Structure formats: structure tokens, C-alpha cells
Amino acid sequence: MKITVVGAGAVGATCADNIARREIAEEVVLLDIKEGFAEGKAMDMMQTAALLGFNTKISGVTNDYSKTAGSSVVVITSGLPRKPGMTREELIGINAGIVKGVAQNILEYSPDAIIIVISNPMDTMTYLALKSLGIPKNRIIGMGGTLDSARFKYYLSVALNCNSNDLQGFVIGGHGDTTMIPLTRLATYQSLPVSDLLDKETLAKVAAETMVGGATLTGLLGTSAWYAPGAAGAVLVESIIRDEKRLFTCSVSLEGEYGQTDICLGVPVIISRKGWEKIIDYKLNEEEQAALNKSADAVRSMNKVLEEMKLI
């Protein structure tokens, strides 16, 4: 199996490193537009193989999509972060052109590839891929909710002073500070509802911390996070390649599920060799559904920019 990661920045390189260390695939191709950048990252990673004992081959290429031919899964991390003074329209316009071009080039050489989108704004970039590529919807997956759910479990583990691996918790909705919805009502600690262990104020604090989890890290680091986003991309790749049928929150095409249509939004889905194969209905209460509807409206507002700029 071959996996391609497009974008050799911090997130893409971390994703590729995780895939290699876990030996998810025989080969990982890291592609970037900056001359020599992906090659250098790949060489550095390969020099850890003798130390860490993995056998995955990692190669780097500069903008040569022919080297990605035959990839089973492609992770797209490329794109620019929003800079001071940049409007959302400018950001969407720039990243949409990058993501659309990357995806089209990838499919030229790997027509059956499953696409995982990490580039921001993630829900809108996933929707762009859905509308512009003409491939089955189950082969287009936005990563965001997988990362948000991991952050949710982290903050819950801090509040409970427990191991985050003993927690189940999901974040649905858009991948943004004001659009994600941590489902505190449904979160559990070894099957016990966390609401039995934490008071409402603490749960509200956990939810609030989760929603600004990315911004918190940006404030501390001076740049976007990369370890957890890269790992989130890697676990999705693993579930696909190994047909694990694991349940993650991902941004996928909705056609009536959760009361939404013509949108890519974060919902619980089964990830397998098919890509995403089934949406799980969590039976939201009225408050949760209203929050999801509001989140969907915000994402649609972002998607509308694609239409206005004639990108779809």
C-alpha cells in the first residue's frame, strides 16, 4: 500500500511520520511545492528507521505527482494559514485553488484514492473536493472532528484526572471555534456518563476549552498545532488501510442525515477500507440539534464564497 501526504509542513510531516512509525503502509510519499523541502523531511525521517525499527519507505518529491501514482489514500494538508488583515474570502480563494489543484492532480495518477482533507477552512475545503472531483462521496473525508474529539477527551481527562484512553466523547458540527459542538451529554468514562462525575459548571468549562483548543495552542506556540492534527490524519489512514471500521467524527457529505443536506459537516461515521461507510445517528436532543443547525448555517456561509468566486 502507498500513502501520499501533500504538504510537508509541520502537520503533513507529522502525519507522514506517524504513518511510517506505525507501519500502516509499505510506502509514504511526501509532496511539497518548495524545492527540496519534502525530500529533506523524508530523508530526516528515514534516518530514524534504524533507531525506531520501522520498515516503511518514505520518499519526498517536489511537485511531481507522477511519484504518487497508485496511492490508496491521500492526505491533503497544503494551504496557507490566515494572516493578519486577510479576509475569509481571500483565505478561501487561495486555499480553494490549492486544494482543488492538488486533488485533481492526485486523481490523475491515483483515480481510486480516498481523499482526507486537513486544509482549512476544513469543512469548506471538503465540500469543494466533493463538488469538484466527481468521485463517490464516501471517498472524501474531512479530518476536523477527529482532532476536536481528541481535544475534548484531553480536557475531560484533565477534569477527571483520568486516562484519556478510558473516555469516549465526540465533537460534532463545523471545525471552528464557534461551530463545533462537544457532546457532553453523551460523553462516558468506562461506560459511566461523565455527567455523573462532573457538575454542570465543570462540563461547561470543558466544552468551552475544547472549542477554543486550537486557538489556545496558537496563542501558546505562536503558530498552529501540528502533533495532534498530524496524528488525527494518521489514525484515519490507519482505519482505512486496515479496514478497522472505527467510529470517528469526520466532515462528510450529508443528504438528509441530522436534518442537513448539500453540506459537509462533522458527524460520527464508520471509517473503513471504503472510506466512510456509514453515518451513525446519535439522536440529538432539541438543544443539540439547534446548535448543529446553527453550525451548519455558519459553514454554508463559508461555502457560499466558493459559489461567489465561481470555484464550484
C-alpha atoms as a PDB file:
ATOM      1  CA  MET A   1       0.000   0.000   0.000  1.00  0.00           C
ATOM      2  CA  LYS A   2       1.134   3.532  -0.809  1.00  0.00           C
ATOM      3  CA  ILE A   3       0.022   6.648   1.068  1.00  0.00           C
ATOM      4  CA  THR A   4       0.626  10.200  -0.144  1.00  0.00           C
ATOM      5  CA  VAL A   5       0.723  13.220   2.139  1.00  0.00           C
ATOM      6  CA  VAL A   6       0.555  16.545   0.290  1.00  0.00           C
ATOM      7  CA  GLY A   7       2.218  19.365   2.183  1.00  0.00           C
ATOM      8  CA  ALA A   8       5.484  18.741   4.046  1.00  0.00           C
ATOM      9  CA  GLY A   9       4.898  21.385   6.692  1.00  0.00           C
ATOM     10  CA  ALA A  10       4.573  20.552  10.364  1.00  0.00           C
ATOM     11  CA  VAL A  11       1.159  18.861  10.094  1.00  0.00           C
ATOM     12  CA  GLY A  12       1.934  16.915   6.930  1.00  0.00           C
ATOM     13  CA  ALA A  13       5.353  15.781   8.137  1.00  0.00           C
ATOM     14  CA  THR A  14       3.931  14.696  11.498  1.00  0.00           C
ATOM     15  CA  CYS A  15       1.179  12.759   9.729  1.00  0.00           C
ATOM     16  CA  ALA A  16       3.724  11.011   7.496  1.00  0.00           C
ATOM     17  CA  ASP A  17       5.969  10.266  10.484  1.00  0.00           C
ATOM     18  CA  ASN A  18       3.077   8.665  12.400  1.00  0.00           C
ATOM     19  CA  ILE A  19       2.080   6.548   9.398  1.00  0.00           C
ATOM     20  CA  ALA A  20       5.664   5.338   8.982  1.00  0.00           C
ATOM     21  CA  ARG A  21       6.292   4.589  12.656  1.00  0.00           C
ATOM     22  CA  ARG A  22       3.075   2.586  12.906  1.00  0.00           C
ATOM     23  CA  GLU A  23       3.918   0.787   9.645  1.00  0.00           C
ATOM     24  CA  ILE A  24       0.448   1.434   8.288  1.00  0.00           C
ATOM     25  CA  ALA A  25       1.699   1.240   4.702  1.00  0.00           C
ATOM     26  CA  GLU A  26       4.747  -0.014   2.843  1.00  0.00           C
ATOM     27  CA  GLU A  27       5.410   3.383   1.298  1.00  0.00           C
ATOM     28  CA  VAL A  28       4.700   7.009   2.165  1.00  0.00           C
ATOM     29  CA  VAL A  29       5.224   9.785  -0.388  1.00  0.00           C
ATOM     30  CA  LEU A  30       5.583  13.314   0.983  1.00  0.00           C
ATOM     31  CA  LEU A  31       4.967  16.006  -1.645  1.00  0.00           C
ATOM     32  CA  ASP A  32       5.528  19.754  -1.436  1.00  0.00           C
ATOM     33  CA  ILE A  33       5.915  22.668  -3.855  1.00  0.00           C
ATOM     34  CA  LYS A  34       9.023  24.039  -2.105  1.00  0.00           C
ATOM     35  CA  GLU A  35      12.146  22.720  -3.808  1.00  0.00           C
ATOM     36  CA  GLY A  36      13.898  20.067  -1.711  1.00  0.00           C
ATOM     37  CA  PHE A  37      11.674  20.566   1.332  1.00  0.00           C
ATOM     38  CA  ALA A  38       9.785  17.244   1.172  1.00  0.00           C
ATOM     39  CA  GLU A  39      12.985  15.438   0.182  1.00  0.00           C
ATOM     40  CA  GLY A  40      14.745  16.794   3.266  1.00  0.00           C
ATOM     41  CA  LYS A  41      11.897  15.916   5.601  1.00  0.00           C
ATOM     42  CA  ALA A  42      11.680  12.391   4.165  1.00  0.00           C
ATOM     43  CA  MET A  43      15.436  11.848   4.475  1.00  0.00           C
ATOM     44  CA  ASP A  44      15.398  13.017   8.082  1.00  0.00           C
ATOM     45  CA  MET A  45      12.540  10.618   8.906  1.00  0.00           C
ATOM     46  CA  MET A  46      14.200   7.710   7.134  1.00  0.00           C
ATOM     47  CA  GLN A  47      17.300   8.224   9.249  1.00  0.00           C
ATOM     48  CA  THR A  48      15.174   7.392  12.304  1.00  0.00           C
ATOM     49  CA  ALA A  49      14.177   3.982  10.902  1.00  0.00           C
ATOM     50  CA  ALA A  50      17.297   2.212  12.159  1.00  0.00           C
ATOM     51  CA  LEU A  51      16.728   3.765  15.586  1.00  0.00           C
ATOM     52  CA  LEU A  52      12.998   3.107  15.864  1.00  0.00           C
ATOM     53  CA  GLY A  53      12.791  -0.163  13.952  1.00  0.00           C
ATOM     54  CA  PHE A  54      10.149   0.624  11.325  1.00  0.00           C
ATOM     55  CA  ASN A  55      10.344  -0.610   7.728  1.00  0.00           C
ATOM     56  CA  THR A  56       8.126   1.860   5.889  1.00  0.00           C
ATOM     57  CA  LYS A  57       9.821   3.606   2.977  1.00  0.00           C
ATOM     58  CA  ILE A  58       9.406   7.405   2.996  1.00  0.00           C
ATOM     59  CA  SER A  59      10.241   9.461  -0.075  1.00  0.00           C
ATOM     60  CA  GLY A  60       9.945  13.167  -0.731  1.00  0.00           C
ATOM     61  CA  VAL A  61       9.166  14.852  -4.042  1.00  0.00           C
ATOM     62  CA  THR A  62       8.875  18.410  -5.270  1.00  0.00           C
ATOM     63  CA  ASN A  63       5.584  18.864  -7.112  1.00  0.00           C
ATOM     64  CA  ASP A  64       5.960  15.628  -9.107  1.00  0.00           C
ATOM     65  CA  TYR A  65       2.578  13.940  -8.887  1.00  0.00           C
ATOM     66  CA  SER A  66       3.671  11.014 -11.036  1.00  0.00           C
ATOM     67  CA  LYS A  67       5.588   9.741  -7.997  1.00  0.00           C
ATOM     68  CA  THR A  68       2.272   9.489  -6.099  1.00  0.00           C
ATOM     69  CA  ALA A  69       0.766   7.058  -8.635  1.00  0.00           C
ATOM     70  CA  GLY A  70      -1.156   4.162  -7.147  1.00  0.00           C
ATOM     71  CA  SER A  71      -1.801   5.774  -3.763  1.00  0.00           C
ATOM     72  CA  SER A  72      -4.627   4.184  -1.779  1.00  0.00           C
ATOM     73  CA  VAL A  73      -5.132   7.205   0.477  1.00  0.00           C
ATOM     74  CA  VAL A  74      -4.063  10.819   0.024  1.00  0.00           C
ATOM     75  CA  VAL A  75      -3.930  13.308   2.900  1.00  0.00           C
ATOM     76  CA  ILE A  76      -4.124  16.957   1.836  1.00  0.00           C
ATOM     77  CA  THR A  77      -2.581  19.362   4.344  1.00  0.00           C
ATOM     78  CA  SER A  78      -1.441  22.066   1.923  1.00  0.00           C
ATOM     79  CA  GLY A  79      -2.698  25.618   2.130  1.00  0.00           C
ATOM     80  CA  LEU A  80      -1.983  28.923   3.829  1.00  0.00           C
ATOM     81  CA  PRO A  81      -2.925  29.936   7.377  1.00  0.00           C
ATOM     82  CA  ARG A  82      -4.995  33.078   7.766  1.00  0.00           C
ATOM     83  CA  LYS A  83      -2.727  36.105   8.133  1.00  0.00           C
ATOM     84  CA  PRO A  84      -3.458  39.427   9.868  1.00  0.00           C
ATOM     85  CA  GLY A  85      -5.687  41.599   7.678  1.00  0.00           C
ATOM     86  CA  MET A  86      -6.667  38.708   5.402  1.00  0.00           C
ATOM     87  CA  THR A  87     -10.402  38.306   4.835  1.00  0.00           C
ATOM     88  CA  ARG A  88     -12.028  34.881   4.914  1.00  0.00           C
ATOM     89  CA  GLU A  89     -12.818  35.321   1.223  1.00  0.00           C
ATOM     90  CA  GLU A  90      -9.128  35.794   0.468  1.00  0.00           C
ATOM     91  CA  LEU A  91      -8.169  32.755   2.550  1.00  0.00           C
ATOM     92  CA  ILE A  92     -10.857  30.571   0.962  1.00  0.00           C
ATOM     93  CA  GLY A  93      -9.923  31.773  -2.514  1.00  0.00           C
ATOM     94  CA  ILE A  94      -6.230  30.982  -2.059  1.00  0.00           C
ATOM     95  CA  ASN A  95      -6.671  27.636  -0.326  1.00  0.00           C
ATOM     96  CA  ALA A  96      -9.510  26.536  -2.589  1.00  0.00           C
ATOM     97  CA  GLY A  97      -7.264  26.949  -5.607  1.00  0.00           C
ATOM     98  CA  ILE A  98      -4.504  24.966  -3.886  1.00  0.00           C
ATOM     99  CA  VAL A  99      -6.745  22.148  -2.637  1.00  0.00           C
ATOM    100  CA  LYS A 100      -8.661  21.817  -5.905  1.00  0.00           C
ATOM    101  CA  GLY A 101      -5.463  21.701  -7.944  1.00  0.00           C
ATOM    102  CA  VAL A 102      -3.846  19.180  -5.616  1.00  0.00           C
ATOM    103  CA  ALA A 103      -6.871  16.880  -5.610  1.00  0.00           C
ATOM    104  CA  GLN A 104      -7.201  16.941  -9.388  1.00  0.00           C
ATOM    105  CA  ASN A 105      -3.505  16.175  -9.857  1.00  0.00           C
ATOM    106  CA  ILE A 106      -3.710  13.336  -7.342  1.00  0.00           C
ATOM    107  CA  LEU A 107      -6.682  11.705  -9.058  1.00  0.00           C
ATOM    108  CA  GLU A 108      -4.892  11.820 -12.403  1.00  0.00           C
ATOM    109  CA  TYR A 109      -2.385   9.314 -11.043  1.00  0.00           C
ATOM    110  CA  SER A 110      -4.469   7.623  -8.319  1.00  0.00           C
ATOM    111  CA  PRO A 111      -8.067   7.577  -9.615  1.00  0.00           C
ATOM    112  CA  ASP A 112      -9.283   5.258  -6.839  1.00  0.00           C
ATOM    113  CA  ALA A 113      -7.691   7.134  -3.941  1.00  0.00           C
ATOM    114  CA  ILE A 114      -9.574   8.070  -0.784  1.00  0.00           C
ATOM    115  CA  ILE A 115      -9.043  11.767  -0.002  1.00  0.00           C
ATOM    116  CA  ILE A 116      -8.561  13.050   3.563  1.00  0.00           C
ATOM    117  CA  VAL A 117      -8.753  16.844   3.801  1.00  0.00           C
ATOM    118  CA  ILE A 118      -6.962  18.677   6.615  1.00  0.00           C
ATOM    119  CA  SER A 119      -6.504  22.054   4.874  1.00  0.00           C
ATOM    120  CA  ASN A 120      -8.518  24.933   6.311  1.00  0.00           C
ATOM    121  CA  PRO A 121     -11.259  26.046   6.342  1.00  0.00           C
ATOM    122  CA  MET A 122     -11.645  22.286   6.524  1.00  0.00           C
ATOM    123  CA  ASP A 123     -15.409  21.805   6.083  1.00  0.00           C
ATOM    124  CA  THR A 124     -15.444  24.177   3.113  1.00  0.00           C
ATOM    125  CA  MET A 125     -12.376  22.558   1.530  1.00  0.00           C
ATOM    126  CA  THR A 126     -14.030  19.137   1.948  1.00  0.00           C
ATOM    127  CA  TYR A 127     -17.186  20.475   0.282  1.00  0.00           C
ATOM    128  CA  LEU A 128     -15.058  21.877  -2.549  1.00  0.00           C
ATOM    129  CA  ALA A 129     -13.492  18.452  -3.094  1.00  0.00           C
ATOM    130  CA  LEU A 130     -16.923  16.838  -3.100  1.00  0.00           C
ATOM    131  CA  LYS A 131     -18.327  19.265  -5.660  1.00  0.00           C
ATOM    132  CA  SER A 132     -15.354  19.486  -7.980  1.00  0.00           C
ATOM    133  CA  LEU A 133     -13.878  15.989  -8.172  1.00  0.00           C
ATOM    134  CA  GLY A 134     -16.867  13.885  -9.204  1.00  0.00           C
ATOM    135  CA  ILE A 135     -15.861  10.852  -7.151  1.00  0.00           C
ATOM    136  CA  PRO A 136     -18.126   8.891  -4.767  1.00  0.00           C
ATOM    137  CA  LYS A 137     -18.884  10.838  -1.598  1.00  0.00           C
ATOM    138  CA  ASN A 138     -17.584   8.067   0.679  1.00  0.00           C
ATOM    139  CA  ARG A 139     -14.074   8.704  -0.666  1.00  0.00           C
ATOM    140  CA  ILE A 140     -13.932  12.313   0.587  1.00  0.00           C
ATOM    141  CA  ILE A 141     -13.320  12.797   4.315  1.00  0.00           C
ATOM    142  CA  GLY A 142     -12.652  15.960   6.325  1.00  0.00           C
ATOM    143  CA  MET A 143     -10.468  15.292   9.357  1.00  0.00           C
ATOM    144  CA  GLY A 144     -11.529  18.128  11.720  1.00  0.00           C
ATOM    145  CA  GLY A 145     -13.916  16.383  14.121  1.00  0.00           C
ATOM    146  CA  THR A 146     -11.396  13.627  14.813  1.00  0.00           C
ATOM    147  CA  LEU A 147      -8.972  16.223  16.151  1.00  0.00           C
ATOM    148  CA  ASP A 148     -11.680  18.145  18.022  1.00  0.00           C
ATOM    149  CA  SER A 149     -12.869  14.947  19.719  1.00  0.00           C
ATOM    150  CA  ALA A 150      -9.317  14.122  20.810  1.00  0.00           C
ATOM    151  CA  ARG A 151      -9.038  17.572  22.367  1.00  0.00           C
ATOM    152  CA  PHE A 152     -12.408  17.071  24.058  1.00  0.00           C
ATOM    153  CA  LYS A 153     -11.168  13.841  25.658  1.00  0.00           C
ATOM    154  CA  TYR A 154      -7.971  15.577  26.729  1.00  0.00           C
ATOM    155  CA  TYR A 155      -9.856  18.308  28.589  1.00  0.00           C
ATOM    156  CA  LEU A 156     -12.202  15.721  30.112  1.00  0.00           C
ATOM    157  CA  SER A 157      -9.209  13.687  31.309  1.00  0.00           C
ATOM    158  CA  VAL A 158      -7.764  16.766  32.998  1.00  0.00           C
ATOM    159  CA  ALA A 159     -11.069  17.497  34.736  1.00  0.00           C
ATOM    160  CA  LEU A 160     -11.479  13.876  35.845  1.00  0.00           C
ATOM    161  CA  ASN A 161      -7.775  13.221  36.489  1.00  0.00           C
ATOM    162  CA  CYS A 162      -8.034  10.041  34.451  1.00  0.00           C
ATOM    163  CA  ASN A 163      -6.516   8.369  31.401  1.00  0.00           C
ATOM    164  CA  SER A 164      -7.974   9.832  28.200  1.00  0.00           C
ATOM    165  CA  ASN A 165      -7.981   6.334  26.653  1.00  0.00           C
ATOM    166  CA  ASP A 166     -10.722   5.373  29.119  1.00  0.00           C
ATOM    167  CA  LEU A 167     -13.001   8.125  27.792  1.00  0.00           C
ATOM    168  CA  GLN A 168     -15.490   8.240  24.949  1.00  0.00           C
ATOM    169  CA  GLY A 169     -16.530  11.651  23.720  1.00  0.00           C
ATOM    170  CA  PHE A 170     -17.397  13.227  20.406  1.00  0.00           C
ATOM    171  CA  VAL A 171     -17.467  16.712  18.949  1.00  0.00           C
ATOM    172  CA  ILE A 172     -19.809  17.284  16.003  1.00  0.00           C
ATOM    173  CA  GLY A 173     -20.524  20.246  13.729  1.00  0.00           C
ATOM    174  CA  GLY A 174     -18.117  22.549  11.947  1.00  0.00           C
ATOM    175  CA  HIS A 175     -14.388  22.575  12.616  1.00  0.00           C
ATOM    176  CA  GLY A 176     -14.192  26.052  14.110  1.00  0.00           C
ATOM    177  CA  ASP A 177     -14.122  27.829  17.459  1.00  0.00           C
ATOM    178  CA  THR A 178     -17.769  28.870  17.220  1.00  0.00           C
ATOM    179  CA  THR A 179     -19.172  25.986  15.187  1.00  0.00           C
ATOM    180  CA  MET A 180     -18.059  22.807  16.973  1.00  0.00           C
ATOM    181  CA  ILE A 181     -20.360  21.098  19.474  1.00  0.00           C
ATOM    182  CA  PRO A 182     -18.816  18.942  22.243  1.00  0.00           C
ATOM    183  CA  LEU A 183     -21.493  16.387  23.177  1.00  0.00           C
ATOM    184  CA  THR A 184     -21.034  16.479  26.945  1.00  0.00           C
ATOM    185  CA  ARG A 185     -24.363  14.702  27.497  1.00  0.00           C
ATOM    186  CA  LEU A 186     -23.116  11.594  25.712  1.00  0.00           C
ATOM    187  CA  ALA A 187     -19.513  11.504  26.959  1.00  0.00           C
ATOM    188  CA  THR A 188     -18.596   8.499  29.121  1.00  0.00           C
ATOM    189  CA  TYR A 189     -15.818   7.260  31.382  1.00  0.00           C
ATOM    190  CA  GLN A 190     -15.675   3.487  31.038  1.00  0.00           C
ATOM    191  CA  SER A 191     -19.419   3.446  30.204  1.00  0.00           C
ATOM    192  CA  LEU A 192     -20.301   5.794  33.099  1.00  0.00           C
ATOM    193  CA  PRO A 193     -21.713   9.155  31.956  1.00  0.00           C
ATOM    194  CA  VAL A 194     -19.247  11.901  32.805  1.00  0.00           C
ATOM    195  CA  SER A 195     -22.222  14.000  33.875  1.00  0.00           C
ATOM    196  CA  ASP A 196     -22.423  11.669  36.891  1.00  0.00           C
ATOM    197  CA  LEU A 197     -18.868  12.649  37.822  1.00  0.00           C
ATOM    198  CA  LEU A 198     -18.624  16.317  36.882  1.00  0.00           C
ATOM    199  CA  ASP A 199     -21.002  19.166  37.710  1.00  0.00           C
ATOM    200  CA  LYS A 200     -22.613  21.309  35.034  1.00  0.00           C
ATOM    201  CA  GLU A 201     -20.176  24.172  35.533  1.00  0.00           C
ATOM    202  CA  THR A 202     -17.155  21.928  35.043  1.00  0.00           C
ATOM    203  CA  LEU A 203     -18.682  20.297  31.966  1.00  0.00           C
ATOM    204  CA  ALA A 204     -19.435  23.717  30.521  1.00  0.00           C
ATOM    205  CA  LYS A 205     -15.815  24.726  31.140  1.00  0.00           C
ATOM    206  CA  VAL A 206     -14.559  21.564  29.417  1.00  0.00           C
ATOM    207  CA  ALA A 207     -16.774  22.286  26.402  1.00  0.00           C
ATOM    208  CA  ALA A 208     -15.593  25.892  26.220  1.00  0.00           C
ATOM    209  CA  GLU A 209     -11.930  24.860  26.463  1.00  0.00           C
ATOM    210  CA  THR A 210     -12.457  22.305  23.714  1.00  0.00           C
ATOM    211  CA  MET A 211     -13.992  24.859  21.377  1.00  0.00           C
ATOM    212  CA  VAL A 212     -11.001  27.192  21.671  1.00  0.00           C
ATOM    213  CA  GLY A 213      -8.484  24.341  21.852  1.00  0.00           C
ATOM    214  CA  GLY A 214      -6.836  25.284  18.571  1.00  0.00           C
ATOM    215  CA  ALA A 215      -6.728  28.993  19.411  1.00  0.00           C
ATOM    216  CA  THR A 216      -5.246  28.200  22.829  1.00  0.00           C
ATOM    217  CA  LEU A 217      -2.366  26.324  21.219  1.00  0.00           C
ATOM    218  CA  THR A 218      -1.835  29.033  18.616  1.00  0.00           C
ATOM    219  CA  GLY A 219      -1.560  31.555  21.442  1.00  0.00           C
ATOM    220  CA  LEU A 220       0.998  29.427  23.270  1.00  0.00           C
ATOM    221  CA  LEU A 221       3.020  28.321  20.250  1.00  0.00           C
ATOM    222  CA  GLY A 222       2.735  31.360  18.039  1.00  0.00           C
ATOM    223  CA  THR A 223       1.579  29.057  15.247  1.00  0.00           C
ATOM    224  CA  SER A 224      -0.990  26.333  14.646  1.00  0.00           C
ATOM    225  CA  ALA A 225      -0.626  22.971  16.375  1.00  0.00           C
ATOM    226  CA  TRP A 226       0.805  20.012  14.473  1.00  0.00           C
ATOM    227  CA  TYR A 227       1.278  16.919  16.667  1.00  0.00           C
ATOM    228  CA  ALA A 228      -2.407  16.178  17.280  1.00  0.00           C
ATOM    229  CA  PRO A 229      -3.604  17.264  13.798  1.00  0.00           C
ATOM    230  CA  GLY A 230      -0.950  15.065  12.196  1.00  0.00           C
ATOM    231  CA  ALA A 231      -1.859  12.141  14.441  1.00  0.00           C
ATOM    232  CA  ALA A 232      -5.555  12.607  13.654  1.00  0.00           C
ATOM    233  CA  GLY A 233      -4.821  12.299   9.957  1.00  0.00           C
ATOM    234  CA  ALA A 234      -2.728   9.190  10.576  1.00  0.00           C
ATOM    235  CA  VAL A 235      -5.393   7.342  12.601  1.00  0.00           C
ATOM    236  CA  LEU A 236      -7.912   7.906   9.818  1.00  0.00           C
ATOM    237  CA  VAL A 237      -5.431   6.494   7.311  1.00  0.00           C
ATOM    238  CA  GLU A 238      -4.874   3.502   9.590  1.00  0.00           C
ATOM    239  CA  SER A 239      -8.591   2.785   9.929  1.00  0.00           C
ATOM    240  CA  ILE A 240      -8.925   2.876   6.138  1.00  0.00           C
ATOM    241  CA  ILE A 241      -5.884   0.779   5.247  1.00  0.00           C
ATOM    242  CA  ARG A 242      -6.506  -1.823   7.963  1.00  0.00           C
ATOM    243  CA  ASP A 243     -10.296  -1.794   7.462  1.00  0.00           C
ATOM    244  CA  GLU A 244     -10.750  -1.217  11.181  1.00  0.00           C
ATOM    245  CA  LYS A 245     -14.296   0.162  10.949  1.00  0.00           C
ATOM    246  CA  ARG A 246     -13.571   2.607  13.769  1.00  0.00           C
ATOM    247  CA  LEU A 247     -16.001   5.355  14.720  1.00  0.00           C
ATOM    248  CA  PHE A 248     -14.734   8.909  14.305  1.00  0.00           C
ATOM    249  CA  THR A 249     -16.276  12.325  13.829  1.00  0.00           C
ATOM    250  CA  CYS A 250     -15.473  13.446  10.288  1.00  0.00           C
ATOM    251  CA  SER A 251     -16.744  16.065   7.884  1.00  0.00           C
ATOM    252  CA  VAL A 252     -18.698  14.151   5.244  1.00  0.00           C
ATOM    253  CA  SER A 253     -21.439  14.790   2.726  1.00  0.00           C
ATOM    254  CA  LEU A 254     -24.903  14.874   4.311  1.00  0.00           C
ATOM    255  CA  GLU A 255     -28.044  14.100   2.345  1.00  0.00           C
ATOM    256  CA  GLY A 256     -30.737  14.421   4.992  1.00  0.00           C
ATOM    257  CA  GLU A 257     -28.822  12.962   7.939  1.00  0.00           C
ATOM    258  CA  TYR A 258     -29.072  15.123  11.056  1.00  0.00           C
ATOM    259  CA  GLY A 259     -31.564  17.281   9.137  1.00  0.00           C
ATOM    260  CA  GLN A 260     -28.886  18.657   6.784  1.00  0.00           C
ATOM    261  CA  THR A 261     -28.388  18.494   3.026  1.00  0.00           C
ATOM    262  CA  ASP A 262     -25.846  19.789   0.496  1.00  0.00           C
ATOM    263  CA  ILE A 263     -23.114  20.282   3.084  1.00  0.00           C
ATOM    264  CA  CYS A 264     -20.028  18.584   4.516  1.00  0.00           C
ATOM    265  CA  LEU A 265     -20.210  18.670   8.303  1.00  0.00           C
ATOM    266  CA  GLY A 266     -18.715  16.781  11.225  1.00  0.00           C
ATOM    267  CA  VAL A 267     -20.820  13.773  12.275  1.00  0.00           C
ATOM    268  CA  PRO A 268     -19.983  10.308  13.680  1.00  0.00           C
ATOM    269  CA  VAL A 269     -19.022   7.928  10.863  1.00  0.00           C
ATOM    270  CA  ILE A 270     -17.548   4.458  10.454  1.00  0.00           C
ATOM    271  CA  ILE A 271     -14.159   4.617   8.704  1.00  0.00           C
ATOM    272  CA  SER A 272     -13.118   1.533   6.748  1.00  0.00           C
ATOM    273  CA  ARG A 273     -11.498   0.345   3.527  1.00  0.00           C
ATOM    274  CA  LYS A 274     -14.398   2.002   1.698  1.00  0.00           C
ATOM    275  CA  GLY A 275     -13.551   5.420   3.138  1.00  0.00           C
ATOM    276  CA  TRP A 276     -16.525   6.354   5.282  1.00  0.00           C
ATOM    277  CA  GLU A 277     -19.198   3.712   5.058  1.00  0.00           C
ATOM    278  CA  LYS A 278     -21.975   4.716   7.466  1.00  0.00           C
ATOM    279  CA  ILE A 279     -23.191   7.738   9.409  1.00  0.00           C
ATOM    280  CA  ILE A 280     -24.217   6.982  12.988  1.00  0.00           C
ATOM    281  CA  ASP A 281     -27.317   8.771  14.292  1.00  0.00           C
ATOM    282  CA  TYR A 282     -26.732   9.986  17.852  1.00  0.00           C
ATOM    283  CA  LYS A 283     -30.384  11.040  18.377  1.00  0.00           C
ATOM    284  CA  LEU A 284     -29.623  14.617  19.375  1.00  0.00           C
ATOM    285  CA  ASN A 285     -31.906  16.430  21.765  1.00  0.00           C
ATOM    286  CA  GLU A 286     -33.520  19.742  20.785  1.00  0.00           C
ATOM    287  CA  GLU A 287     -30.703  21.878  22.187  1.00  0.00           C
ATOM    288  CA  GLU A 288     -28.006  19.854  20.438  1.00  0.00           C
ATOM    289  CA  GLN A 289     -29.901  19.827  17.136  1.00  0.00           C
ATOM    290  CA  ALA A 290     -30.393  23.598  17.319  1.00  0.00           C
ATOM    291  CA  ALA A 291     -26.657  24.031  17.889  1.00  0.00           C
ATOM    292  CA  LEU A 292     -25.908  21.778  14.916  1.00  0.00           C
ATOM    293  CA  ASN A 293     -28.313  23.743  12.715  1.00  0.00           C
ATOM    294  CA  LYS A 294     -26.571  26.970  13.711  1.00  0.00           C
ATOM    295  CA  SER A 295     -23.192  25.401  12.985  1.00  0.00           C
ATOM    296  CA  ALA A 296     -24.395  24.255   9.563  1.00  0.00           C
ATOM    297  CA  ASP A 297     -25.599  27.776   8.745  1.00  0.00           C
ATOM    298  CA  ALA A 298     -22.137  29.151   9.535  1.00  0.00           C
ATOM    299  CA  VAL A 299     -20.445  26.541   7.346  1.00  0.00           C
ATOM    300  CA  ARG A 300     -22.883  27.239   4.494  1.00  0.00           C
ATOM    301  CA  SER A 301     -21.956  30.906   4.732  1.00  0.00           C
ATOM    302  CA  MET A 302     -18.331  29.904   4.145  1.00  0.00           C
ATOM    303  CA  ASN A 303     -19.317  27.571   1.301  1.00  0.00           C
ATOM    304  CA  LYS A 304     -21.224  30.379  -0.387  1.00  0.00           C
ATOM    305  CA  VAL A 305     -17.910  32.125  -1.003  1.00  0.00           C
ATOM    306  CA  LEU A 306     -16.944  29.223  -3.277  1.00  0.00           C
ATOM    307  CA  GLU A 307     -20.022  29.882  -5.404  1.00  0.00           C
ATOM    308  CA  GLU A 308     -19.479  33.634  -5.441  1.00  0.00           C
ATOM    309  CA  MET A 309     -15.899  33.115  -6.618  1.00  0.00           C
ATOM    310  CA  LYS A 310     -17.105  30.539  -9.190  1.00  0.00           C
ATOM    311  CA  LEU A 311     -14.905  27.841  -7.694  1.00  0.00           C
ATOM    312  CA  ILE A 312     -17.689  25.253  -7.801  1.00  0.00           C
END
